[in-house]
Protein backbone atom coordinates (compact mmCIF):
# COMPACT_ATOMS: atom_id res chain seq x y z
CA GLY A 1 -2.63 -7.71 14.91
CA LEU A 2 0.43 -9.28 13.27
CA GLY A 3 1.11 -6.66 10.77
CA TYR A 4 1.27 -4.25 13.71
CA ASP A 5 3.12 -6.59 15.49
CA GLY A 6 5.68 -6.79 12.37
CA LEU A 7 5.98 -2.84 12.23
CA LYS A 8 6.95 -2.36 15.57
CA LYS A 9 10.21 -4.01 15.04
CA ILE A 10 11.39 -1.44 12.50
CA PRO A 11 13.24 1.25 13.82
CA ASN A 12 12.05 4.86 14.00
CA ASN A 13 12.33 7.56 11.28
CA SER A 14 14.39 4.32 8.91
CA ILE A 15 11.61 4.19 6.00
CA ASP A 16 11.46 6.36 2.51
CA LEU A 17 7.87 4.67 1.85
CA ILE A 18 5.19 2.62 2.38
CA ILE A 19 2.77 1.10 -0.17
CA THR A 20 0.06 -1.29 0.98
CA GLU A 21 -3.53 -2.43 0.14
CA PRO A 22 -4.36 -3.42 3.62
CA PRO A 23 -7.23 -6.49 4.16
CA SER A 24 -10.64 -6.01 4.17
CA VAL A 25 -10.32 -8.90 6.61
CA PRO A 26 -7.22 -9.07 8.27
CA LEU A 27 -5.03 -11.70 9.98
CA ILE A 28 -5.63 -11.34 13.48
CA LYS A 29 -4.20 -14.80 14.92
CA LEU A 30 -2.05 -17.09 12.87
CA ASN A 31 -3.85 -19.94 10.70
CA LYS A 32 -6.66 -18.63 11.80
CA LYS A 33 -9.11 -15.34 10.05
CA ALA A 34 -10.35 -13.31 12.00
CA ASN A 35 -14.50 -13.66 13.17
CA ARG A 36 -16.02 -10.77 10.94
CA LEU A 37 -14.92 -7.70 12.85
CA THR A 38 -17.11 -4.94 14.43
CA ILE A 39 -16.49 -1.36 12.66
CA GLY A 40 -14.64 -0.46 15.58
CA ASN A 41 -12.30 -2.99 15.93
CA TYR A 42 -11.43 -2.54 12.87
CA LEU A 43 -11.44 1.03 12.85
CA ASP A 44 -8.90 0.34 15.74
CA TRP A 45 -6.78 -2.21 13.95
CA ASN A 46 -6.36 0.15 10.80
CA LYS A 47 -5.45 3.00 13.66
CA ASP A 48 -2.52 0.78 15.40
CA TRP A 49 -0.56 -0.18 11.80
CA LEU A 50 -0.77 3.56 10.33
CA ASP A 51 0.36 4.68 13.92
CA GLU A 52 3.37 2.70 13.73
CA SER A 53 3.68 3.66 9.92
CA TYR A 54 4.23 7.01 11.15
CA ARG A 55 6.89 6.54 13.64
CA ILE A 56 8.55 4.63 11.25
CA LEU A 57 9.08 6.73 8.10
CA LYS A 58 11.49 9.55 7.45
CA GLU A 59 10.55 12.92 7.98
CA SER A 60 10.95 12.83 4.12
CA GLY A 61 8.77 9.84 3.67
CA SER A 62 5.39 9.23 1.96
CA ILE A 63 2.71 6.55 2.12
CA TYR A 64 0.37 5.34 -0.53
CA VAL A 65 -3.03 3.35 0.96
CA ILE A 66 -4.88 1.55 -1.80
CA CYS A 67 -8.21 0.67 -1.21
CA ASP A 68 -11.44 0.08 -2.32
CA TRP A 69 -14.09 2.79 -2.51
CA MET A 70 -15.84 1.47 0.21
CA PHE A 71 -13.28 2.42 2.81
CA SER A 72 -12.18 5.16 1.39
CA SER A 73 -13.34 7.67 3.60
CA MET A 74 -12.08 5.80 6.45
CA TYR A 75 -8.47 5.76 5.48
CA GLN A 76 -8.93 9.93 4.54
CA SER A 77 -10.21 10.27 8.05
CA LEU A 78 -7.22 8.02 9.89
CA LEU A 79 -4.39 9.42 7.37
CA ASN A 80 -5.87 13.06 8.61
CA GLN A 81 -5.27 12.62 12.31
CA LYS A 82 -1.09 11.86 11.82
CA PHE A 83 0.40 12.28 8.36
CA LYS A 84 -0.33 15.48 5.92
CA ILE A 85 -2.50 13.94 3.24
CA GLN A 86 -1.22 15.53 -0.32
CA THR A 87 -4.06 13.84 -2.39
CA ARG A 88 -6.38 11.02 -3.54
CA ILE A 89 -5.33 9.07 -6.63
CA THR A 90 -8.33 7.80 -8.62
CA TRP A 91 -7.24 5.26 -11.10
CA LYS A 92 -9.23 3.19 -13.45
CA ASN A 93 -8.63 -0.50 -12.12
CA LYS A 94 -10.25 -3.12 -14.94
CA ILE A 95 -9.45 -6.05 -12.78
CA LYS A 96 -11.79 -5.90 -10.15
CA LYS A 97 -14.40 -8.76 -9.36
CA LYS A 98 -17.75 -7.86 -10.75
CA LEU A 99 -20.38 -7.48 -7.19
CA LYS A 100 -23.18 -9.69 -7.69
CA ASN A 101 -26.51 -7.65 -7.96
CA ALA A 102 -24.37 -4.04 -8.59
CA HIS A 103 -26.43 -1.36 -10.71
CA TRP A 104 -22.90 -0.11 -12.04
CA ASN A 105 -19.95 -1.48 -12.53
CA ASP A 106 -17.34 -0.25 -10.57
CA ASN A 107 -13.88 0.32 -12.10
CA LEU A 108 -12.29 2.67 -9.99
CA SER A 109 -9.96 2.36 -6.65
CA ASP A 110 -8.86 5.16 -4.45
CA ILE A 111 -4.63 5.55 -3.40
CA TRP A 112 -4.22 7.94 -0.65
CA PHE A 113 -1.52 9.91 -1.01
CA ALA A 114 -0.52 11.31 2.53
CA SER A 115 3.62 12.23 3.68
CA LYS A 116 5.05 13.04 7.49
CA SER A 117 5.85 15.93 7.13
CA ASP A 118 5.74 19.45 4.56
CA ASP A 119 9.22 18.56 3.48
CA PHE A 120 8.70 15.20 1.69
CA PHE A 121 10.52 13.76 -1.41
CA PHE A 122 8.45 13.84 -4.74
CA ASN A 123 10.13 13.97 -8.47
CA GLN A 124 7.97 16.00 -10.31
CA GLN A 125 8.79 14.35 -13.70
CA ASP A 126 10.27 17.09 -16.38
CA ASN A 127 8.67 19.59 -14.18
CA LYS A 128 4.79 18.62 -15.41
CA ARG A 129 1.69 18.28 -12.85
CA ILE A 130 0.64 14.60 -12.39
CA THR A 131 -3.29 14.39 -12.80
CA ASN A 132 -4.27 12.56 -9.66
CA PHE A 133 -6.63 10.52 -12.27
CA TRP A 134 -4.80 7.70 -13.44
CA ASP A 135 -7.09 6.23 -16.31
CA ASP A 136 -3.66 4.92 -18.23
CA ILE A 137 -2.82 2.27 -16.30
CA ILE A 138 -2.64 -1.17 -18.87
CA SER A 139 -4.09 -4.21 -17.12
CA ILE A 140 -4.04 -6.76 -20.23
CA HIS A 141 -0.48 -7.83 -18.91
CA PHE A 142 -1.54 -8.40 -15.72
CA ASP A 143 0.35 -10.87 -13.38
CA LYS A 144 -2.34 -13.75 -11.31
CA ASN A 145 0.81 -12.88 -8.18
CA GLU A 146 0.14 -9.29 -8.07
CA LYS A 147 -2.57 -7.48 -6.36
CA GLN A 148 -2.05 -4.58 -8.68
CA PRO A 149 -0.86 -4.11 -11.84
CA LYS A 150 2.93 -3.27 -12.15
CA GLU A 151 2.52 0.32 -14.22
CA LEU A 152 0.60 1.36 -10.96
CA ILE A 153 2.97 0.46 -8.34
CA LYS A 154 6.21 1.73 -10.26
CA ARG A 155 4.63 4.99 -10.75
CA ILE A 156 4.38 5.32 -7.16
CA ILE A 157 7.66 4.00 -6.81
CA LYS A 158 9.88 6.20 -9.64
CA THR A 159 7.71 9.65 -8.48
CA SER A 160 8.51 8.83 -4.64
CA SER A 161 11.36 7.01 -3.62
CA CYS A 162 15.00 6.91 -5.19
CA LYS A 163 17.62 3.80 -5.72
CA LEU A 164 18.51 2.16 -2.63
CA ASN A 165 15.87 4.24 -0.88
CA TRP A 166 13.94 1.60 1.88
CA ILE A 167 10.33 0.61 0.84
CA LEU A 168 8.03 -1.21 2.88
CA ASP A 169 4.45 -3.04 2.40
CA PRO A 170 3.15 -4.43 5.70
CA PHE A 171 0.85 -6.10 4.04
CA CYS A 172 2.62 -7.78 1.15
CA ARG A 173 0.99 -11.37 0.30
CA LEU A 174 2.66 -12.98 -2.67
CA GLY A 175 5.08 -9.83 -2.70
CA GLY A 176 3.72 -7.92 -5.84
CA ILE A 177 5.20 -4.66 -4.12
CA GLY A 178 8.24 -5.95 -3.01
CA VAL A 179 8.96 -7.14 -6.66
CA ASN A 180 8.36 -4.28 -8.28
CA ALA A 181 10.82 -2.38 -5.77
CA ILE A 182 13.76 -4.78 -6.41
CA GLU A 183 13.30 -4.10 -10.11
CA GLU A 184 13.49 -0.66 -9.76
CA GLY A 185 16.71 -0.49 -7.80
CA ARG A 186 15.05 -0.12 -4.14
CA ARG A 187 15.39 -1.63 -0.88
CA PHE A 188 12.57 -3.82 0.35
CA ILE A 189 11.09 -4.78 3.91
CA GLY A 190 7.65 -7.22 3.56
CA ILE A 191 5.31 -8.18 6.21
CA GLU A 192 2.89 -10.71 6.17
CA ALA A 193 0.82 -13.10 8.58
CA ASN A 194 -0.12 -15.65 6.59
CA LYS A 195 3.31 -18.61 6.18
CA ASP A 196 2.63 -19.75 3.11
CA LYS A 197 2.45 -16.10 1.10
CA VAL A 198 5.71 -15.32 3.49
CA LEU A 199 7.33 -18.52 1.67
CA ILE A 200 5.89 -17.46 -1.79
CA SER A 201 6.82 -13.86 -1.63
CA MET A 202 10.70 -14.08 -0.02
CA LYS A 203 11.06 -16.85 -3.40
CA ARG A 204 9.79 -13.91 -5.60
CA VAL A 205 11.76 -11.06 -4.30
CA ASP A 206 15.18 -13.42 -3.77
CA ARG A 207 14.81 -13.83 -7.69
CA LYS A 208 15.43 -10.47 -8.51
């Protein structure tokens, strides 16, 4: 896939933090969405980009994979093959689309937090242990160009990186994670297969 190709160009041990929400239907070829991938193909595709992510992360680096509950167990299994899983964060996602015929309103999303080694950077502010249930994320001021609330991404950035660190999003869409990274004084690399989204993303990040 295209995101995987972009990751292959990044040097070993060069990225401090990866934050991303992988697509449920990846763009495998330019200007053409993949026909429904089989479960096996989708698993392989995810394994490929996660393997590359492991290669490019510094020994002190971390990865945060944002996902829906339907894919959560898959990412736990894949991350566990190479990374050291630190925790699963669950956050109150008030902006999820309501599914038709759903018996329960779905207002939660998962984030898998994993590191490359046991010696990973973690900014434990005021020496307080942070809960892995984030029920205080505010979505009222949600930007339509952002896939996740700014408060969510900024919390991750502040906890797992320092100023001038390199942050990467392999599926950057409209550049929401990049905008937040630049606002917090970090450096950013974004990869996106859709050319129109790349142009929008570049403009948004460059304005910062």
